[in-house]
Amino acid sequence: MRCLTRNKVLFYYALYAGRKPVYETDEYGNQIQTSEYAVEYGAPVACRGNISPASGVTATEVFGGSEGYDSIIMLDDPHTPIDEYSVLWIEVKPSESYNYVVKKVARSLNSVAIAVSKVNVRK
């Protein structure tokens, strides 16, 4: 399946880069490591793809009816590195908090279908 250039929408994605420990400062000014970790992502990368409407029969059949996702992004480059740990900025700039997460990725020989779900993240 090929995506028409005129149907492609600009969005941004960032890949999972790892996690780092969270530190707190005690009353004496010492850095103490907590048992929590903060997730880190790489720099946002611009990408263009065909983003489906929020719902539809075709979207439901691609990944099955049980997956909880809001939209599907179709890309004509099967080597795009987006995976289930990536975050997305759709219809917002990457200077704001990301607003979508990847639920599932289905790769074929010529295209990639990515199921995404909307989230509310505070910066």
PDB file of N, CA and C in Angstrom:
ATOM      1  N   MET A   1       0.846  -1.172   0.000  1.00  0.00           N
ATOM      2  CA  MET A   1       0.000   0.000   0.000  1.00  0.00           C
ATOM      3  C   MET A   1       0.891   1.234   0.000  1.00  0.00           C
ATOM      4  N   ARG A   2       0.608   2.156  -0.869  1.00  0.00           N
ATOM      5  CA  ARG A   2       1.345   3.407  -0.955  1.00  0.00           C
ATOM      6  C   ARG A   2       0.497   4.547  -0.435  1.00  0.00           C
ATOM      7  N   CYS A   3       1.155   5.521   0.133  1.00  0.00           N
ATOM      8  CA  CYS A   3       0.462   6.692   0.663  1.00  0.00           C
ATOM      9  C   CYS A   3       0.594   7.827  -0.342  1.00  0.00           C
ATOM     10  N   LEU A   4      -0.504   8.484  -0.652  1.00  0.00           N
ATOM     11  CA  LEU A   4      -0.451   9.636  -1.524  1.00  0.00           C
ATOM     12  C   LEU A   4       0.210  10.793  -0.789  1.00  0.00           C
ATOM     13  N   THR A   5       1.053  11.525  -1.483  1.00  0.00           N
ATOM     14  CA  THR A   5       1.767  12.637  -0.863  1.00  0.00           C
ATOM     15  C   THR A   5       0.805  13.699  -0.352  1.00  0.00           C
ATOM     16  N   ARG A   6      -0.270  13.948  -1.060  1.00  0.00           N
ATOM     17  CA  ARG A   6      -1.202  14.991  -0.632  1.00  0.00           C
ATOM     18  C   ARG A   6      -1.993  14.592   0.616  1.00  0.00           C
ATOM     19  N   ASN A   7      -2.040  13.310   0.959  1.00  0.00           N
ATOM     20  CA  ASN A   7      -2.736  12.864   2.162  1.00  0.00           C
ATOM     21  C   ASN A   7      -1.840  12.797   3.392  1.00  0.00           C
ATOM     22  N   LYS A   8      -0.547  12.997   3.203  1.00  0.00           N
ATOM     23  CA  LYS A   8       0.386  12.889   4.324  1.00  0.00           C
ATOM     24  C   LYS A   8       0.325  14.125   5.209  1.00  0.00           C
ATOM     25  N   VAL A   9       0.409  13.882   6.514  1.00  0.00           N
ATOM     26  CA  VAL A   9       0.360  14.931   7.528  1.00  0.00           C
ATOM     27  C   VAL A   9       1.682  14.909   8.292  1.00  0.00           C
ATOM     28  N   LEU A  10       2.176  16.089   8.620  1.00  0.00           N
ATOM     29  CA  LEU A  10       3.410  16.189   9.386  1.00  0.00           C
ATOM     30  C   LEU A  10       3.142  15.862  10.855  1.00  0.00           C
ATOM     31  N   PHE A  11       3.962  14.984  11.427  1.00  0.00           N
ATOM     32  CA  PHE A  11       3.941  14.705  12.858  1.00  0.00           C
ATOM     33  C   PHE A  11       5.370  14.440  13.298  1.00  0.00           C
ATOM     34  N   TYR A  12       5.580  14.368  14.590  1.00  0.00           N
ATOM     35  CA  TYR A  12       6.908  14.148  15.137  1.00  0.00           C
ATOM     36  C   TYR A  12       6.888  12.918  16.027  1.00  0.00           C
ATOM     37  N   TYR A  13       8.012  12.199  16.078  1.00  0.00           N
ATOM     38  CA  TYR A  13       8.126  11.053  16.972  1.00  0.00           C
ATOM     39  C   TYR A  13       9.475  11.098  17.681  1.00  0.00           C
ATOM     40  N   ALA A  14       9.532  10.472  18.841  1.00  0.00           N
ATOM     41  CA  ALA A  14      10.779  10.342  19.591  1.00  0.00           C
ATOM     42  C   ALA A  14      10.894   8.896  20.057  1.00  0.00           C
ATOM     43  N   LEU A  15      12.080   8.338  19.930  1.00  0.00           N
ATOM     44  CA  LEU A  15      12.317   6.952  20.311  1.00  0.00           C
ATOM     45  C   LEU A  15      12.735   6.859  21.770  1.00  0.00           C
ATOM     46  N   TYR A  16      12.419   5.753  22.385  1.00  0.00           N
ATOM     47  CA  TYR A  16      12.789   5.487  23.777  1.00  0.00           C
ATOM     48  C   TYR A  16      14.309   5.429  23.881  1.00  0.00           C
ATOM     49  N   ALA A  17      14.885   6.183  24.819  1.00  0.00           N
ATOM     50  CA  ALA A  17      16.335   6.226  24.968  1.00  0.00           C
ATOM     51  C   ALA A  17      16.810   5.548  26.247  1.00  0.00           C
ATOM     52  N   GLY A  18      15.920   5.252  27.157  1.00  0.00           N
ATOM     53  CA  GLY A  18      16.314   4.594  28.400  1.00  0.00           C
ATOM     54  C   GLY A  18      15.641   5.234  29.594  1.00  0.00           C
ATOM     55  N   ARG A  19      16.182   4.930  30.751  1.00  0.00           N
ATOM     56  CA  ARG A  19      15.652   5.529  31.965  1.00  0.00           C
ATOM     57  C   ARG A  19      16.817   5.901  32.874  1.00  0.00           C
ATOM     58  N   LYS A  20      16.586   6.915  33.694  1.00  0.00           N
ATOM     59  CA  LYS A  20      17.632   7.358  34.615  1.00  0.00           C
ATOM     60  C   LYS A  20      17.040   7.447  36.012  1.00  0.00           C
ATOM     61  N   PRO A  21      17.866   7.227  37.038  1.00  0.00           N
ATOM     62  CA  PRO A  21      17.349   7.288  38.402  1.00  0.00           C
ATOM     63  C   PRO A  21      16.997   8.714  38.811  1.00  0.00           C
ATOM     64  N   VAL A  22      16.008   8.816  39.674  1.00  0.00           N
ATOM     65  CA  VAL A  22      15.580  10.111  40.189  1.00  0.00           C
ATOM     66  C   VAL A  22      16.264  10.338  41.535  1.00  0.00           C
ATOM     67  N   TYR A  23      16.798  11.541  41.711  1.00  0.00           N
ATOM     68  CA  TYR A  23      17.478  11.894  42.957  1.00  0.00           C
ATOM     69  C   TYR A  23      16.699  12.974  43.687  1.00  0.00           C
ATOM     70  N   GLU A  24      16.739  12.922  45.006  1.00  0.00           N
ATOM     71  CA  GLU A  24      16.154  13.953  45.859  1.00  0.00           C
ATOM     72  C   GLU A  24      17.257  14.554  46.715  1.00  0.00           C
ATOM     73  N   THR A  25      17.025  15.759  47.177  1.00  0.00           N
ATOM     74  CA  THR A  25      17.964  16.409  48.084  1.00  0.00           C
ATOM     75  C   THR A  25      17.363  16.395  49.480  1.00  0.00           C
ATOM     76  N   ASP A  26      18.131  15.872  50.447  1.00  0.00           N
ATOM     77  CA  ASP A  26      17.614  15.847  51.818  1.00  0.00           C
ATOM     78  C   ASP A  26      17.837  17.192  52.499  1.00  0.00           C
ATOM     79  N   GLU A  27      17.453  17.276  53.759  1.00  0.00           N
ATOM     80  CA  GLU A  27      17.530  18.550  54.471  1.00  0.00           C
ATOM     81  C   GLU A  27      18.959  19.043  54.689  1.00  0.00           C
ATOM     82  N   TYR A  28      19.969  18.146  54.492  1.00  0.00           N
ATOM     83  CA  TYR A  28      21.366  18.542  54.670  1.00  0.00           C
ATOM     84  C   TYR A  28      22.048  18.878  53.342  1.00  0.00           C
ATOM     85  N   GLY A  29      21.296  18.788  52.243  1.00  0.00           N
ATOM     86  CA  GLY A  29      21.843  19.106  50.934  1.00  0.00           C
ATOM     87  C   GLY A  29      22.466  17.929  50.210  1.00  0.00           C
ATOM     88  N   ASN A  30      22.305  16.709  50.727  1.00  0.00           N
ATOM     89  CA  ASN A  30      22.860  15.511  50.103  1.00  0.00           C
ATOM     90  C   ASN A  30      21.909  14.981  49.031  1.00  0.00           C
ATOM     91  N   GLN A  31      22.493  14.498  47.940  1.00  0.00           N
ATOM     92  CA  GLN A  31      21.711  13.872  46.869  1.00  0.00           C
ATOM     93  C   GLN A  31      21.459  12.415  47.244  1.00  0.00           C
ATOM     94  N   ILE A  32      20.193  12.023  47.299  1.00  0.00           N
ATOM     95  CA  ILE A  32      19.813  10.660  47.651  1.00  0.00           C
ATOM     96  C   ILE A  32      19.030  10.068  46.482  1.00  0.00           C
ATOM     97  N   GLN A  33      19.457   8.879  46.049  1.00  0.00           N
ATOM     98  CA  GLN A  33      18.746   8.211  44.960  1.00  0.00           C
ATOM     99  C   GLN A  33      17.467   7.584  45.497  1.00  0.00           C
ATOM    100  N   THR A  34      16.358   7.868  44.808  1.00  0.00           N
ATOM    101  CA  THR A  34      15.082   7.266  45.190  1.00  0.00           C
ATOM    102  C   THR A  34      14.932   5.941  44.453  1.00  0.00           C
ATOM    103  N   SER A  35      13.866   5.249  44.684  1.00  0.00           N
ATOM    104  CA  SER A  35      13.619   3.993  43.974  1.00  0.00           C
ATOM    105  C   SER A  35      12.877   4.225  42.658  1.00  0.00           C
ATOM    106  N   GLU A  36      12.666   5.482  42.282  1.00  0.00           N
ATOM    107  CA  GLU A  36      11.947   5.812  41.051  1.00  0.00           C
ATOM    108  C   GLU A  36      12.921   6.077  39.909  1.00  0.00           C
ATOM    109  N   TYR A  37      12.404   5.929  38.678  1.00  0.00           N
ATOM    110  CA  TYR A  37      13.179   6.199  37.475  1.00  0.00           C
ATOM    111  C   TYR A  37      12.390   7.114  36.554  1.00  0.00           C
ATOM    112  N   ALA A  38      13.091   7.973  35.841  1.00  0.00           N
ATOM    113  CA  ALA A  38      12.478   8.860  34.858  1.00  0.00           C
ATOM    114  C   ALA A  38      12.783   8.312  33.467  1.00  0.00           C
ATOM    115  N   VAL A  39      11.772   8.257  32.611  1.00  0.00           N
ATOM    116  CA  VAL A  39      11.936   7.758  31.250  1.00  0.00           C
ATOM    117  C   VAL A  39      12.506   8.867  30.381  1.00  0.00           C
ATOM    118  N   GLU A  40      13.481   8.516  29.536  1.00  0.00           N
ATOM    119  CA  GLU A  40      14.088   9.483  28.623  1.00  0.00           C
ATOM    120  C   GLU A  40      13.800   9.080  27.186  1.00  0.00           C
ATOM    121  N   TYR A  41      13.597  10.100  26.346  1.00  0.00           N
ATOM    122  CA  TYR A  41      13.373   9.880  24.917  1.00  0.00           C
ATOM    123  C   TYR A  41      14.398  10.680  24.130  1.00  0.00           C
ATOM    124  N   GLY A  42      14.663  10.242  22.903  1.00  0.00           N
ATOM    125  CA  GLY A  42      15.572  10.955  22.029  1.00  0.00           C
ATOM    126  C   GLY A  42      14.946  12.246  21.525  1.00  0.00           C
ATOM    127  N   ALA A  43      15.673  12.930  20.667  1.00  0.00           N
ATOM    128  CA  ALA A  43      15.176  14.185  20.097  1.00  0.00           C
ATOM    129  C   ALA A  43      14.024  13.892  19.137  1.00  0.00           C
ATOM    130  N   PRO A  44      13.019  14.779  19.092  1.00  0.00           N
ATOM    131  CA  PRO A  44      11.902  14.583  18.162  1.00  0.00           C
ATOM    132  C   PRO A  44      12.368  14.617  16.702  1.00  0.00           C
ATOM    133  N   VAL A  45      11.800  13.719  15.903  1.00  0.00           N
ATOM    134  CA  VAL A  45      12.129  13.596  14.483  1.00  0.00           C
ATOM    135  C   VAL A  45      10.862  13.857  13.680  1.00  0.00           C
ATOM    136  N   ALA A  46      10.969  14.678  12.644  1.00  0.00           N
ATOM    137  CA  ALA A  46       9.817  14.977  11.786  1.00  0.00           C
ATOM    138  C   ALA A  46       9.547  13.799  10.849  1.00  0.00           C
ATOM    139  N   CYS A  47       8.270  13.526  10.625  1.00  0.00           N
ATOM    140  CA  CYS A  47       7.863  12.436   9.745  1.00  0.00           C
ATOM    141  C   CYS A  47       6.528  12.812   9.109  1.00  0.00           C
ATOM    142  N   ARG A  48       6.229  12.226   7.957  1.00  0.00           N
ATOM    143  CA  ARG A  48       4.956  12.483   7.285  1.00  0.00           C
ATOM    144  C   ARG A  48       4.291  11.155   6.995  1.00  0.00           C
ATOM    145  N   GLY A  49       2.985  11.073   7.326  1.00  0.00           N
ATOM    146  CA  GLY A  49       2.244   9.845   7.089  1.00  0.00           C
ATOM    147  C   GLY A  49       0.761  10.125   6.971  1.00  0.00           C
ATOM    148  N   ASN A  50       0.026   9.109   6.563  1.00  0.00           N
ATOM    149  CA  ASN A  50      -1.419   9.200   6.428  1.00  0.00           C
ATOM    150  C   ASN A  50      -2.046   8.819   7.762  1.00  0.00           C
ATOM    151  N   ILE A  51      -2.675   9.783   8.444  1.00  0.00           N
ATOM    152  CA  ILE A  51      -3.279   9.552   9.747  1.00  0.00           C
ATOM    153  C   ILE A  51      -4.777   9.390   9.557  1.00  0.00           C
ATOM    154  N   SER A  52      -5.308   8.243  10.010  1.00  0.00           N
ATOM    155  CA  SER A  52      -6.729   7.958   9.828  1.00  0.00           C
ATOM    156  C   SER A  52      -7.572   8.797  10.768  1.00  0.00           C
ATOM    157  N   PRO A  53      -8.867   8.895  10.495  1.00  0.00           N
ATOM    158  CA  PRO A  53      -9.765   9.555  11.447  1.00  0.00           C
ATOM    159  C   PRO A  53      -9.787   8.785  12.769  1.00  0.00           C
ATOM    160  N   ALA A  54     -10.427   9.357  13.760  1.00  0.00           N
ATOM    161  CA  ALA A  54     -10.408   8.780  15.103  1.00  0.00           C
ATOM    162  C   ALA A  54     -11.061   7.407  15.195  1.00  0.00           C
ATOM    163  N   SER A  55     -11.965   7.064  14.305  1.00  0.00           N
ATOM    164  CA  SER A  55     -12.595   5.748  14.368  1.00  0.00           C
ATOM    165  C   SER A  55     -12.988   5.305  12.977  1.00  0.00           C
ATOM    166  N   GLY A  56     -13.278   4.010  12.840  1.00  0.00           N
ATOM    167  CA  GLY A  56     -13.716   3.487  11.553  1.00  0.00           C
ATOM    168  C   GLY A  56     -13.619   1.982  11.525  1.00  0.00           C
ATOM    169  N   VAL A  57     -14.359   1.362  10.635  1.00  0.00           N
ATOM    170  CA  VAL A  57     -14.370  -0.095  10.540  1.00  0.00           C
ATOM    171  C   VAL A  57     -13.033  -0.609  10.051  1.00  0.00           C
ATOM    172  N   THR A  58     -12.448   0.046   9.060  1.00  0.00           N
ATOM    173  CA  THR A  58     -11.162  -0.396   8.529  1.00  0.00           C
ATOM    174  C   THR A  58     -10.094  -0.356   9.597  1.00  0.00           C
ATOM    175  N   ALA A  59     -10.091   0.677  10.420  1.00  0.00           N
ATOM    176  CA  ALA A  59      -9.096   0.802  11.483  1.00  0.00           C
ATOM    177  C   ALA A  59      -9.258  -0.298  12.519  1.00  0.00           C
ATOM    178  N   THR A  60     -10.472  -0.697  12.780  1.00  0.00           N
ATOM    179  CA  THR A  60     -10.713  -1.726  13.782  1.00  0.00           C
ATOM    180  C   THR A  60     -10.235  -3.089  13.303  1.00  0.00           C
ATOM    181  N   GLU A  61     -10.327  -3.361  12.013  1.00  0.00           N
ATOM    182  CA  GLU A  61      -9.949  -4.664  11.496  1.00  0.00           C
ATOM    183  C   GLU A  61      -8.444  -4.850  11.357  1.00  0.00           C
ATOM    184  N   VAL A  62      -7.684  -3.789  11.282  1.00  0.00           N
ATOM    185  CA  VAL A  62      -6.246  -3.912  11.073  1.00  0.00           C
ATOM    186  C   VAL A  62      -5.566  -4.590  12.253  1.00  0.00           C
ATOM    187  N   PHE A  63      -5.873  -4.162  13.464  1.00  0.00           N
ATOM    188  CA  PHE A  63      -5.220  -4.696  14.649  1.00  0.00           C
ATOM    189  C   PHE A  63      -6.163  -5.543  15.511  1.00  0.00           C
ATOM    190  N   GLY A  64      -7.399  -5.734  15.093  1.00  0.00           N
ATOM    191  CA  GLY A  64      -8.363  -6.476  15.890  1.00  0.00           C
ATOM    192  C   GLY A  64      -9.225  -5.535  16.704  1.00  0.00           C
ATOM    193  N   GLY A  65     -10.326  -6.040  17.212  1.00  0.00           N
ATOM    194  CA  GLY A  65     -11.259  -5.204  17.947  1.00  0.00           C
ATOM    195  C   GLY A  65     -10.890  -4.965  19.396  1.00  0.00           C
ATOM    196  N   SER A  66      -9.950  -5.726  19.964  1.00  0.00           N
ATOM    197  CA  SER A  66      -9.675  -5.612  21.391  1.00  0.00           C
ATOM    198  C   SER A  66      -8.615  -4.572  21.736  1.00  0.00           C
ATOM    199  N   GLU A  67      -7.827  -4.144  20.791  1.00  0.00           N
ATOM    200  CA  GLU A  67      -6.789  -3.155  21.069  1.00  0.00           C
ATOM    201  C   GLU A  67      -7.405  -1.792  21.343  1.00  0.00           C
ATOM    202  N   GLY A  68      -6.927  -1.093  22.356  1.00  0.00           N
ATOM    203  CA  GLY A  68      -7.422   0.236  22.661  1.00  0.00           C
ATOM    204  C   GLY A  68      -6.565   1.294  21.993  1.00  0.00           C
ATOM    205  N   TYR A  69      -6.994   1.766  20.843  1.00  0.00           N
ATOM    206  CA  TYR A  69      -6.252   2.806  20.136  1.00  0.00           C
ATOM    207  C   TYR A  69      -7.230   3.759  19.482  1.00  0.00           C
ATOM    208  N   ASP A  70      -6.721   4.961  19.153  1.00  0.00           N
ATOM    209  CA  ASP A  70      -7.580   6.012  18.615  1.00  0.00           C
ATOM    210  C   ASP A  70      -7.453   6.196  17.109  1.00  0.00           C
ATOM    211  N   SER A  71      -6.249   6.080  16.562  1.00  0.00           N
ATOM    212  CA  SER A  71      -6.007   6.306  15.135  1.00  0.00           C
ATOM    213  C   SER A  71      -4.952   5.344  14.629  1.00  0.00           C
ATOM    214  N   ILE A  72      -4.848   5.287  13.306  1.00  0.00           N
ATOM    215  CA  ILE A  72      -3.799   4.504  12.657  1.00  0.00           C
ATOM    216  C   ILE A  72      -3.010   5.428  11.745  1.00  0.00           C
ATOM    217  N   ILE A  73      -1.702   5.309  11.800  1.00  0.00           N
ATOM    218  CA  ILE A  73      -0.818   6.054  10.914  1.00  0.00           C
ATOM    219  C   ILE A  73      -0.254   5.063   9.901  1.00  0.00           C
ATOM    220  N   MET A  74      -0.409   5.377   8.626  1.00  0.00           N
ATOM    221  CA  MET A  74       0.147   4.548   7.560  1.00  0.00           C
ATOM    222  C   MET A  74       1.374   5.248   6.991  1.00  0.00           C
ATOM    223  N   LEU A  75       2.489   4.528   6.946  1.00  0.00           N
ATOM    224  CA  LEU A  75       3.732   5.047   6.374  1.00  0.00           C
ATOM    225  C   LEU A  75       4.155   4.139   5.235  1.00  0.00           C
ATOM    226  N   ASP A  76       4.697   4.730   4.175  1.00  0.00           N
ATOM    227  CA  ASP A  76       5.135   3.916   3.043  1.00  0.00           C
ATOM    228  C   ASP A  76       6.603   3.519   3.138  1.00  0.00           C
ATOM    229  N   ASP A  77       7.262   3.794   4.244  1.00  0.00           N
ATOM    230  CA  ASP A  77       8.642   3.377   4.475  1.00  0.00           C
ATOM    231  C   ASP A  77       8.656   2.333   5.590  1.00  0.00           C
ATOM    232  N   PRO A  78       8.842   1.052   5.254  1.00  0.00           N
ATOM    233  CA  PRO A  78       8.792   0.014   6.291  1.00  0.00           C
ATOM    234  C   PRO A  78       9.978   0.048   7.248  1.00  0.00           C
ATOM    235  N   HIS A  79      10.984   0.848   6.953  1.00  0.00           N
ATOM    236  CA  HIS A  79      12.181   0.914   7.800  1.00  0.00           C
ATOM    237  C   HIS A  79      12.142   2.070   8.796  1.00  0.00           C
ATOM    238  N   THR A  80      11.008   2.726   8.925  1.00  0.00           N
ATOM    239  CA  THR A  80      10.859   3.787   9.921  1.00  0.00           C
ATOM    240  C   THR A  80      11.041   3.166  11.304  1.00  0.00           C
ATOM    241  N   PRO A  81      11.889   3.740  12.169  1.00  0.00           N
ATOM    242  CA  PRO A  81      12.230   3.084  13.436  1.00  0.00           C
ATOM    243  C   PRO A  81      11.201   3.220  14.558  1.00  0.00           C
ATOM    244  N   ILE A  82       9.999   3.673  14.274  1.00  0.00           N
ATOM    245  CA  ILE A  82       8.976   3.819  15.313  1.00  0.00           C
ATOM    246  C   ILE A  82       8.607   2.431  15.845  1.00  0.00           C
ATOM    247  N   ASP A  83       8.588   2.295  17.187  1.00  0.00           N
ATOM    248  CA  ASP A  83       8.203   1.034  17.816  1.00  0.00           C
ATOM    249  C   ASP A  83       7.198   1.289  18.938  1.00  0.00           C
ATOM    250  N   GLU A  84       6.868   0.259  19.697  1.00  0.00           N
ATOM    251  CA  GLU A  84       5.844   0.368  20.747  1.00  0.00           C
ATOM    252  C   GLU A  84       6.252   1.247  21.926  1.00  0.00           C
ATOM    253  N   TYR A  85       7.513   1.645  21.993  1.00  0.00           N
ATOM    254  CA  TYR A  85       7.994   2.481  23.093  1.00  0.00           C
ATOM    255  C   TYR A  85       8.142   3.944  22.685  1.00  0.00           C
ATOM    256  N   SER A  86       7.746   4.290  21.479  1.00  0.00           N
ATOM    257  CA  SER A  86       7.887   5.652  20.967  1.00  0.00           C
ATOM    258  C   SER A  86       6.726   6.533  21.418  1.00  0.00           C
ATOM    259  N   VAL A  87       6.976   7.837  21.412  1.00  0.00           N
ATOM    260  CA  VAL A  87       5.930   8.824  21.699  1.00  0.00           C
ATOM    261  C   VAL A  87       5.796   9.735  20.487  1.00  0.00           C
ATOM    262  N   LEU A  88       4.597  10.333  20.310  1.00  0.00           N
ATOM    263  CA  LEU A  88       4.312  11.121  19.111  1.00  0.00           C
ATOM    264  C   LEU A  88       3.719  12.476  19.467  1.00  0.00           C
ATOM    265  N   TRP A  89       3.978  13.434  18.584  1.00  0.00           N
ATOM    266  CA  TRP A  89       3.346  14.750  18.632  1.00  0.00           C
ATOM    267  C   TRP A  89       2.531  14.879  17.357  1.00  0.00           C
ATOM    268  N   ILE A  90       1.211  14.768  17.464  1.00  0.00           N
ATOM    269  CA  ILE A  90       0.322  14.888  16.306  1.00  0.00           C
ATOM    270  C   ILE A  90      -0.508  16.148  16.504  1.00  0.00           C
ATOM    271  N   GLU A  91      -0.454  17.035  15.548  1.00  0.00           N
ATOM    272  CA  GLU A  91      -1.162  18.321  15.550  1.00  0.00           C
ATOM    273  C   GLU A  91      -0.674  19.262  16.651  1.00  0.00           C
ATOM    274  N   VAL A  92       0.470  18.987  17.245  1.00  0.00           N
ATOM    275  CA  VAL A  92       1.103  19.904  18.200  1.00  0.00           C
ATOM    276  C   VAL A  92       2.597  19.954  17.878  1.00  0.00           C
ATOM    277  N   LYS A  93       3.253  20.996  18.330  1.00  0.00           N
ATOM    278  CA  LYS A  93       4.690  21.151  18.113  1.00  0.00           C
ATOM    279  C   LYS A  93       5.464  20.357  19.169  1.00  0.00           C
ATOM    280  N   PRO A  94       6.677  19.898  18.847  1.00  0.00           N
ATOM    281  CA  PRO A  94       7.454  19.129  19.826  1.00  0.00           C
ATOM    282  C   PRO A  94       7.941  19.947  21.021  1.00  0.00           C
ATOM    283  N   SER A  95       7.743  21.262  20.997  1.00  0.00           N
ATOM    284  CA  SER A  95       8.080  22.067  22.170  1.00  0.00           C
ATOM    285  C   SER A  95       7.067  21.840  23.291  1.00  0.00           C
ATOM    286  N   GLU A  96       5.889  21.310  22.959  1.00  0.00           N
ATOM    287  CA  GLU A  96       4.869  20.964  23.946  1.00  0.00           C
ATOM    288  C   GLU A  96       5.069  19.507  24.370  1.00  0.00           C
ATOM    289  N   SER A  97       4.279  19.040  25.321  1.00  0.00           N
ATOM    290  CA  SER A  97       4.328  17.637  25.736  1.00  0.00           C
ATOM    291  C   SER A  97       3.766  16.756  24.628  1.00  0.00           C
ATOM    292  N   TYR A  98       4.279  15.539  24.524  1.00  0.00           N
ATOM    293  CA  TYR A  98       3.747  14.620  23.518  1.00  0.00           C
ATOM    294  C   TYR A  98       2.294  14.304  23.844  1.00  0.00           C
ATOM    295  N   ASN A  99       1.517  13.975  22.811  1.00  0.00           N
ATOM    296  CA  ASN A  99       0.093  13.740  23.030  1.00  0.00           C
ATOM    297  C   ASN A  99      -0.404  12.379  22.530  1.00  0.00           C
ATOM    298  N   TYR A 100       0.475  11.552  21.981  1.00  0.00           N
ATOM    299  CA  TYR A 100       0.101  10.204  21.556  1.00  0.00           C
ATOM    300  C   TYR A 100       1.209   9.218  21.916  1.00  0.00           C
ATOM    301  N   VAL A 101       0.819   7.976  22.187  1.00  0.00           N
ATOM    302  CA  VAL A 101       1.762   6.887  22.386  1.00  0.00           C
ATOM    303  C   VAL A 101       1.435   5.786  21.386  1.00  0.00           C
ATOM    304  N   VAL A 102       2.429   4.999  21.045  1.00  0.00           N
ATOM    305  CA  VAL A 102       2.250   3.910  20.094  1.00  0.00           C
ATOM    306  C   VAL A 102       1.749   2.684  20.845  1.00  0.00           C
ATOM    307  N   LYS A 103       0.674   2.092  20.345  1.00  0.00           N
ATOM    308  CA  LYS A 103       0.109   0.882  20.940  1.00  0.00           C
ATOM    309  C   LYS A 103       0.598  -0.380  20.236  1.00  0.00           C
ATOM    310  N   LYS A 104       0.670  -0.336  18.908  1.00  0.00           N
ATOM    311  CA  LYS A 104       1.033  -1.517  18.131  1.00  0.00           C
ATOM    312  C   LYS A 104       1.608  -1.094  16.794  1.00  0.00           C
ATOM    313  N   VAL A 105       2.568  -1.854  16.286  1.00  0.00           N
ATOM    314  CA  VAL A 105       3.164  -1.597  14.977  1.00  0.00           C
ATOM    315  C   VAL A 105       3.036  -2.859  14.138  1.00  0.00           C
ATOM    316  N   ALA A 106       2.506  -2.727  12.921  1.00  0.00           N
ATOM    317  CA  ALA A 106       2.370  -3.847  11.988  1.00  0.00           C
ATOM    318  C   ALA A 106       3.155  -3.498  10.729  1.00  0.00           C
ATOM    319  N   ARG A 107       4.243  -4.224  10.500  1.00  0.00           N
ATOM    320  CA  ARG A 107       5.093  -3.971   9.335  1.00  0.00           C
ATOM    321  C   ARG A 107       4.806  -4.998   8.249  1.00  0.00           C
ATOM    322  N   SER A 108       4.828  -4.529   6.997  1.00  0.00           N
ATOM    323  CA  SER A 108       4.738  -5.417   5.843  1.00  0.00           C
ATOM    324  C   SER A 108       5.930  -5.107   4.943  1.00  0.00           C
ATOM    325  N   LEU A 109       5.954  -5.680   3.773  1.00  0.00           N
ATOM    326  CA  LEU A 109       7.091  -5.454   2.874  1.00  0.00           C
ATOM    327  C   LEU A 109       7.189  -4.016   2.379  1.00  0.00           C
ATOM    328  N   ASN A 110       6.047  -3.348   2.187  1.00  0.00           N
ATOM    329  CA  ASN A 110       6.060  -2.021   1.586  1.00  0.00           C
ATOM    330  C   ASN A 110       5.527  -0.907   2.474  1.00  0.00           C
ATOM    331  N   SER A 111       4.968  -1.226   3.627  1.00  0.00           N
ATOM    332  CA  SER A 111       4.360  -0.179   4.451  1.00  0.00           C
ATOM    333  C   SER A 111       4.384  -0.562   5.923  1.00  0.00           C
ATOM    334  N   VAL A 112       3.996   0.401   6.753  1.00  0.00           N
ATOM    335  CA  VAL A 112       3.901   0.201   8.197  1.00  0.00           C
ATOM    336  C   VAL A 112       2.575   0.793   8.659  1.00  0.00           C
ATOM    337  N   ALA A 113       1.837   0.061   9.475  1.00  0.00           N
ATOM    338  CA  ALA A 113       0.628   0.572  10.116  1.00  0.00           C
ATOM    339  C   ALA A 113       0.925   0.701  11.600  1.00  0.00           C
ATOM    340  N   ILE A 114       0.652   1.879  12.156  1.00  0.00           N
ATOM    341  CA  ILE A 114       0.965   2.159  13.559  1.00  0.00           C
ATOM    342  C   ILE A 114      -0.323   2.561  14.265  1.00  0.00           C
ATOM    343  N   ALA A 115      -0.731   1.783  15.261  1.00  0.00           N
ATOM    344  CA  ALA A 115      -1.903   2.114  16.071  1.00  0.00           C
ATOM    345  C   ALA A 115      -1.442   3.034  17.199  1.00  0.00           C
ATOM    346  N   VAL A 116      -2.099   4.195  17.347  1.00  0.00           N
ATOM    347  CA  VAL A 116      -1.709   5.178  18.365  1.00  0.00           C
ATOM    348  C   VAL A 116      -2.896   5.503  19.248  1.00  0.00           C
ATOM    349  N   SER A 117      -2.587   5.908  20.469  1.00  0.00           N
ATOM    350  CA  SER A 117      -3.614   6.265  21.439  1.00  0.00           C
ATOM    351  C   SER A 117      -3.286   7.627  22.030  1.00  0.00           C
ATOM    352  N   LYS A 118      -4.301   8.458  22.211  1.00  0.00           N
ATOM    353  CA  LYS A 118      -4.120   9.805  22.749  1.00  0.00           C
ATOM    354  C   LYS A 118      -3.934   9.740  24.262  1.00  0.00           C
ATOM    355  N   VAL A 119      -2.999  10.547  24.771  1.00  0.00           N
ATOM    356  CA  VAL A 119      -2.727  10.628  26.204  1.00  0.00           C
ATOM    357  C   VAL A 119      -2.638  12.078  26.621  1.00  0.00           C
ATOM    358  N   ASN A 120      -2.794  12.340  27.904  1.00  0.00           N
ATOM    359  CA  ASN A 120      -2.610  13.674  28.462  1.00  0.00           C
ATOM    360  C   ASN A 120      -1.376  13.645  29.359  1.00  0.00           C
ATOM    361  N   VAL A 121      -0.341  14.381  28.962  1.00  0.00           N
ATOM    362  CA  VAL A 121       0.910  14.397  29.702  1.00  0.00           C
ATOM    363  C   VAL A 121       1.177  15.828  30.146  1.00  0.00           C
ATOM    364  N   ARG A 122       1.515  15.982  31.404  1.00  0.00           N
ATOM    365  CA  ARG A 122       1.881  17.307  31.918  1.00  0.00           C
ATOM    366  C   ARG A 122       3.381  17.444  31.888  1.00  0.00           C
ATOM    367  N   LYS A 123       3.843  18.614  31.504  1.00  0.00           N
ATOM    368  CA  LYS A 123       5.272  18.853  31.432  1.00  0.00           C
ATOM    369  C   LYS A 123       5.797  19.392  32.712  1.00  0.00           C
TER     370      LYS A 123
END
